[in-house]
Amino acid sequence: MAKLKKWGGYALIGFVAFYLLTQPESAAGVIQSALGGLMGGAESMSRFVNALLP
């Protein structure tokens, strides 16, 4: 089972590297979307905490 996880990790890293090399514009769009989602979540949490404070 440990070997399967190890090889699965290598396969995932290989796929990501292949995707970055063959479609860099699409990869950049995926990263921008992910970061935008994280920033939106952080902003929402900030507004929630500020609403709790008097």
PDB file of N, CA and C in Angstrom:
ATOM      1  N   MET A   1       0.823  -1.193   0.000  1.00  0.00           N
ATOM      2  CA  MET A   1       0.000   0.000   0.000  1.00  0.00           C
ATOM      3  C   MET A   1       0.871   1.262   0.000  1.00  0.00           C
ATOM      4  N   ALA A   2       1.975   1.230   0.727  1.00  0.00           N
ATOM      5  CA  ALA A   2       2.866   2.384   0.772  1.00  0.00           C
ATOM      6  C   ALA A   2       3.496   2.631  -0.598  1.00  0.00           C
ATOM      7  N   LYS A   3       3.815   1.552  -1.307  1.00  0.00           N
ATOM      8  CA  LYS A   3       4.386   1.721  -2.642  1.00  0.00           C
ATOM      9  C   LYS A   3       3.377   2.342  -3.594  1.00  0.00           C
ATOM     10  N   LEU A   4       2.108   1.975  -3.433  1.00  0.00           N
ATOM     11  CA  LEU A   4       1.055   2.532  -4.278  1.00  0.00           C
ATOM     12  C   LEU A   4       0.930   4.042  -4.051  1.00  0.00           C
ATOM     13  N   LYS A   5       0.972   4.469  -2.794  1.00  0.00           N
ATOM     14  CA  LYS A   5       0.896   5.894  -2.492  1.00  0.00           C
ATOM     15  C   LYS A   5       2.111   6.627  -3.054  1.00  0.00           C
ATOM     16  N   LYS A   6       3.274   6.005  -2.927  1.00  0.00           N
ATOM     17  CA  LYS A   6       4.507   6.607  -3.430  1.00  0.00           C
ATOM     18  C   LYS A   6       4.424   6.799  -4.936  1.00  0.00           C
ATOM     19  N   TRP A   7       4.021   5.760  -5.664  1.00  0.00           N
ATOM     20  CA  TRP A   7       3.931   5.848  -7.124  1.00  0.00           C
ATOM     21  C   TRP A   7       2.800   6.778  -7.556  1.00  0.00           C
ATOM     22  N   GLY A   8       1.721   6.797  -6.778  1.00  0.00           N
ATOM     23  CA  GLY A   8       0.632   7.725  -7.082  1.00  0.00           C
ATOM     24  C   GLY A   8       1.083   9.171  -6.952  1.00  0.00           C
ATOM     25  N   GLY A   9       1.905   9.442  -5.936  1.00  0.00           N
ATOM     26  CA  GLY A   9       2.454  10.786  -5.757  1.00  0.00           C
ATOM     27  C   GLY A   9       3.363  11.177  -6.905  1.00  0.00           C
ATOM     28  N   TYR A  10       4.200  10.220  -7.338  1.00  0.00           N
ATOM     29  CA  TYR A  10       5.070  10.488  -8.493  1.00  0.00           C
ATOM     30  C   TYR A  10       4.240  10.755  -9.747  1.00  0.00           C
ATOM     31  N   ALA A  11       3.183   9.997  -9.933  1.00  0.00           N
ATOM     32  CA  ALA A  11       2.329  10.182 -11.108  1.00  0.00           C
ATOM     33  C   ALA A  11       1.653  11.551 -11.065  1.00  0.00           C
ATOM     34  N   LEU A  12       1.204  11.965  -9.889  1.00  0.00           N
ATOM     35  CA  LEU A  12       0.564  13.270  -9.751  1.00  0.00           C
ATOM     36  C   LEU A  12       1.548  14.400 -10.048  1.00  0.00           C
ATOM     37  N   ILE A  13       2.762  14.288  -9.530  1.00  0.00           N
ATOM     38  CA  ILE A  13       3.788  15.295  -9.793  1.00  0.00           C
ATOM     39  C   ILE A  13       4.114  15.338 -11.288  1.00  0.00           C
ATOM     40  N   GLY A  14       4.204  14.178 -11.912  1.00  0.00           N
ATOM     41  CA  GLY A  14       4.474  14.120 -13.347  1.00  0.00           C
ATOM     42  C   GLY A  14       3.361  14.750 -14.156  1.00  0.00           C
ATOM     43  N   PHE A  15       2.108  14.492 -13.757  1.00  0.00           N
ATOM     44  CA  PHE A  15       0.971  15.074 -14.468  1.00  0.00           C
ATOM     45  C   PHE A  15       0.974  16.596 -14.334  1.00  0.00           C
ATOM     46  N   VAL A  16       1.230  17.098 -13.132  1.00  0.00           N
ATOM     47  CA  VAL A  16       1.255  18.546 -12.919  1.00  0.00           C
ATOM     48  C   VAL A  16       2.370  19.183 -13.748  1.00  0.00           C
ATOM     49  N   ALA A  17       3.546  18.572 -13.757  1.00  0.00           N
ATOM     50  CA  ALA A  17       4.662  19.101 -14.548  1.00  0.00           C
ATOM     51  C   ALA A  17       4.308  19.098 -16.035  1.00  0.00           C
ATOM     52  N   PHE A  18       3.708  18.015 -16.518  1.00  0.00           N
ATOM     53  CA  PHE A  18       3.308  17.934 -17.921  1.00  0.00           C
ATOM     54  C   PHE A  18       2.279  19.014 -18.252  1.00  0.00           C
ATOM     55  N   TYR A  19       1.303  19.212 -17.368  1.00  0.00           N
ATOM     56  CA  TYR A  19       0.263  20.220 -17.582  1.00  0.00           C
ATOM     57  C   TYR A  19       0.873  21.615 -17.620  1.00  0.00           C
ATOM     58  N   LEU A  20       1.804  21.903 -16.707  1.00  0.00           N
ATOM     59  CA  LEU A  20       2.443  23.217 -16.682  1.00  0.00           C
ATOM     60  C   LEU A  20       3.261  23.479 -17.943  1.00  0.00           C
ATOM     61  N   LEU A  21       3.925  22.452 -18.444  1.00  0.00           N
ATOM     62  CA  LEU A  21       4.772  22.626 -19.622  1.00  0.00           C
ATOM     63  C   LEU A  21       3.978  22.706 -20.921  1.00  0.00           C
ATOM     64  N   THR A  22       2.851  21.993 -21.000  1.00  0.00           N
ATOM     65  CA  THR A  22       2.105  21.967 -22.251  1.00  0.00           C
ATOM     66  C   THR A  22       1.030  23.050 -22.338  1.00  0.00           C
ATOM     67  N   GLN A  23       0.494  23.480 -21.187  1.00  0.00           N
ATOM     68  CA  GLN A  23      -0.568  24.489 -21.191  1.00  0.00           C
ATOM     69  C   GLN A  23      -0.344  25.511 -20.074  1.00  0.00           C
ATOM     70  N   PRO A  24       0.677  26.337 -20.195  1.00  0.00           N
ATOM     71  CA  PRO A  24       0.991  27.267 -19.105  1.00  0.00           C
ATOM     72  C   PRO A  24      -0.104  28.311 -18.859  1.00  0.00           C
ATOM     73  N   GLU A  25      -0.807  28.748 -19.916  1.00  0.00           N
ATOM     74  CA  GLU A  25      -1.866  29.742 -19.725  1.00  0.00           C
ATOM     75  C   GLU A  25      -3.019  29.157 -18.918  1.00  0.00           C
ATOM     76  N   SER A  26      -3.402  27.945 -19.227  1.00  0.00           N
ATOM     77  CA  SER A  26      -4.478  27.290 -18.485  1.00  0.00           C
ATOM     78  C   SER A  26      -4.069  27.036 -17.042  1.00  0.00           C
ATOM     79  N   ALA A  27      -2.826  26.629 -16.841  1.00  0.00           N
ATOM     80  CA  ALA A  27      -2.330  26.383 -15.487  1.00  0.00           C
ATOM     81  C   ALA A  27      -2.349  27.667 -14.674  1.00  0.00           C
ATOM     82  N   ALA A  28      -1.967  28.778 -15.288  1.00  0.00           N
ATOM     83  CA  ALA A  28      -1.996  30.066 -14.593  1.00  0.00           C
ATOM     84  C   ALA A  28      -3.426  30.446 -14.230  1.00  0.00           C
ATOM     85  N   GLY A  29      -4.369  30.163 -15.109  1.00  0.00           N
ATOM     86  CA  GLY A  29      -5.772  30.444 -14.816  1.00  0.00           C
ATOM     87  C   GLY A  29      -6.279  29.635 -13.643  1.00  0.00           C
ATOM     88  N   VAL A  30      -5.870  28.373 -13.557  1.00  0.00           N
ATOM     89  CA  VAL A  30      -6.273  27.522 -12.432  1.00  0.00           C
ATOM     90  C   VAL A  30      -5.717  28.085 -11.127  1.00  0.00           C
ATOM     91  N   ILE A  31      -4.459  28.495 -11.143  1.00  0.00           N
ATOM     92  CA  ILE A  31      -3.831  29.047  -9.934  1.00  0.00           C
ATOM     93  C   ILE A  31      -4.516  30.352  -9.531  1.00  0.00           C
ATOM     94  N   GLN A  32      -4.814  31.212 -10.509  1.00  0.00           N
ATOM     95  CA  GLN A  32      -5.496  32.473 -10.207  1.00  0.00           C
ATOM     96  C   GLN A  32      -6.874  32.219  -9.609  1.00  0.00           C
ATOM     97  N   SER A  33      -7.596  31.256 -10.121  1.00  0.00           N
ATOM     98  CA  SER A  33      -8.917  30.933  -9.590  1.00  0.00           C
ATOM     99  C   SER A  33      -8.818  30.423  -8.160  1.00  0.00           C
ATOM    100  N   ALA A  34      -7.846  29.557  -7.908  1.00  0.00           N
ATOM    101  CA  ALA A  34      -7.677  29.016  -6.563  1.00  0.00           C
ATOM    102  C   ALA A  34      -7.311  30.118  -5.568  1.00  0.00           C
ATOM    103  N   LEU A  35      -6.387  30.988  -5.958  1.00  0.00           N
ATOM    104  CA  LEU A  35      -5.999  32.077  -5.064  1.00  0.00           C
ATOM    105  C   LEU A  35      -7.149  33.057  -4.850  1.00  0.00           C
ATOM    106  N   GLY A  36      -7.924  33.301  -5.886  1.00  0.00           N
ATOM    107  CA  GLY A  36      -9.088  34.171  -5.747  1.00  0.00           C
ATOM    108  C   GLY A  36     -10.096  33.597  -4.770  1.00  0.00           C
ATOM    109  N   GLY A  37     -10.294  32.296  -4.816  1.00  0.00           N
ATOM    110  CA  GLY A  37     -11.198  31.647  -3.869  1.00  0.00           C
ATOM    111  C   GLY A  37     -10.695  31.742  -2.443  1.00  0.00           C
ATOM    112  N   LEU A  38      -9.401  31.549  -2.257  1.00  0.00           N
ATOM    113  CA  LEU A  38      -8.816  31.670  -0.919  1.00  0.00           C
ATOM    114  C   LEU A  38      -8.937  33.090  -0.387  1.00  0.00           C
ATOM    115  N   MET A  39      -8.700  34.067  -1.264  1.00  0.00           N
ATOM    116  CA  MET A  39      -8.800  35.457  -0.835  1.00  0.00           C
ATOM    117  C   MET A  39     -10.245  35.824  -0.487  1.00  0.00           C
ATOM    118  N   GLY A  40     -11.185  35.310  -1.256  1.00  0.00           N
ATOM    119  CA  GLY A  40     -12.598  35.562  -0.954  1.00  0.00           C
ATOM    120  C   GLY A  40     -12.998  34.958   0.379  1.00  0.00           C
ATOM    121  N   GLY A  41     -12.519  33.756   0.656  1.00  0.00           N
ATOM    122  CA  GLY A  41     -12.801  33.119   1.937  1.00  0.00           C
ATOM    123  C   GLY A  41     -12.189  33.882   3.097  1.00  0.00           C
ATOM    124  N   ALA A  42     -10.969  34.363   2.922  1.00  0.00           N
ATOM    125  CA  ALA A  42     -10.313  35.146   3.975  1.00  0.00           C
ATOM    126  C   ALA A  42     -11.062  36.453   4.222  1.00  0.00           C
ATOM    127  N   GLU A  43     -11.530  37.073   3.153  1.00  0.00           N
ATOM    128  CA  GLU A  43     -12.292  38.322   3.312  1.00  0.00           C
ATOM    129  C   GLU A  43     -13.599  38.066   4.053  1.00  0.00           C
ATOM    130  N   SER A  44     -14.258  36.981   3.745  1.00  0.00           N
ATOM    131  CA  SER A  44     -15.499  36.638   4.426  1.00  0.00           C
ATOM    132  C   SER A  44     -15.265  36.374   5.910  1.00  0.00           C
ATOM    133  N   MET A  45     -14.186  35.660   6.221  1.00  0.00           N
ATOM    134  CA  MET A  45     -13.862  35.399   7.625  1.00  0.00           C
ATOM    135  C   MET A  45     -13.550  36.700   8.355  1.00  0.00           C
ATOM    136  N   SER A  46     -12.875  37.610   7.682  1.00  0.00           N
ATOM    137  CA  SER A  46     -12.556  38.899   8.285  1.00  0.00           C
ATOM    138  C   SER A  46     -13.827  39.677   8.599  1.00  0.00           C
ATOM    139  N   ARG A  47     -14.753  39.701   7.670  1.00  0.00           N
ATOM    140  CA  ARG A  47     -16.020  40.394   7.915  1.00  0.00           C
ATOM    141  C   ARG A  47     -16.793  39.747   9.041  1.00  0.00           C
ATOM    142  N   PHE A  48     -16.758  38.427   9.150  1.00  0.00           N
ATOM    143  CA  PHE A  48     -17.454  37.707  10.220  1.00  0.00           C
ATOM    144  C   PHE A  48     -16.867  38.076  11.586  1.00  0.00           C
ATOM    145  N   VAL A  49     -15.524  38.059  11.681  1.00  0.00           N
ATOM    146  CA  VAL A  49     -14.891  38.393  12.955  1.00  0.00           C
ATOM    147  C   VAL A  49     -15.157  39.838  13.313  1.00  0.00           C
ATOM    148  N   ASN A  50     -15.113  40.737  12.353  1.00  0.00           N
ATOM    149  CA  ASN A  50     -15.409  42.145  12.631  1.00  0.00           C
ATOM    150  C   ASN A  50     -16.846  42.335  13.071  1.00  0.00           C
ATOM    151  N   ALA A  51     -17.772  41.532  12.567  1.00  0.00           N
ATOM    152  CA  ALA A  51     -19.166  41.655  12.996  1.00  0.00           C
ATOM    153  C   ALA A  51     -19.351  41.158  14.418  1.00  0.00           C
ATOM    154  N   LEU A  52     -18.496  40.268  14.884  1.00  0.00           N
ATOM    155  CA  LEU A  52     -18.590  39.770  16.256  1.00  0.00           C
ATOM    156  C   LEU A  52     -18.107  40.795  17.261  1.00  0.00           C
ATOM    157  N   LEU A  53     -17.140  41.607  16.873  1.00  0.00           N
ATOM    158  CA  LEU A  53     -16.578  42.599  17.789  1.00  0.00           C
ATOM    159  C   LEU A  53     -17.497  43.800  17.874  1.00  0.00           C
ATOM    160  N   PRO A  54     -17.673  44.347  19.111  1.00  0.00           N
ATOM    161  CA  PRO A  54     -18.551  45.513  19.251  1.00  0.00           C
ATOM    162  C   PRO A  54     -17.977  46.786  18.670  1.00  0.00           C
TER     163      PRO A  54
END
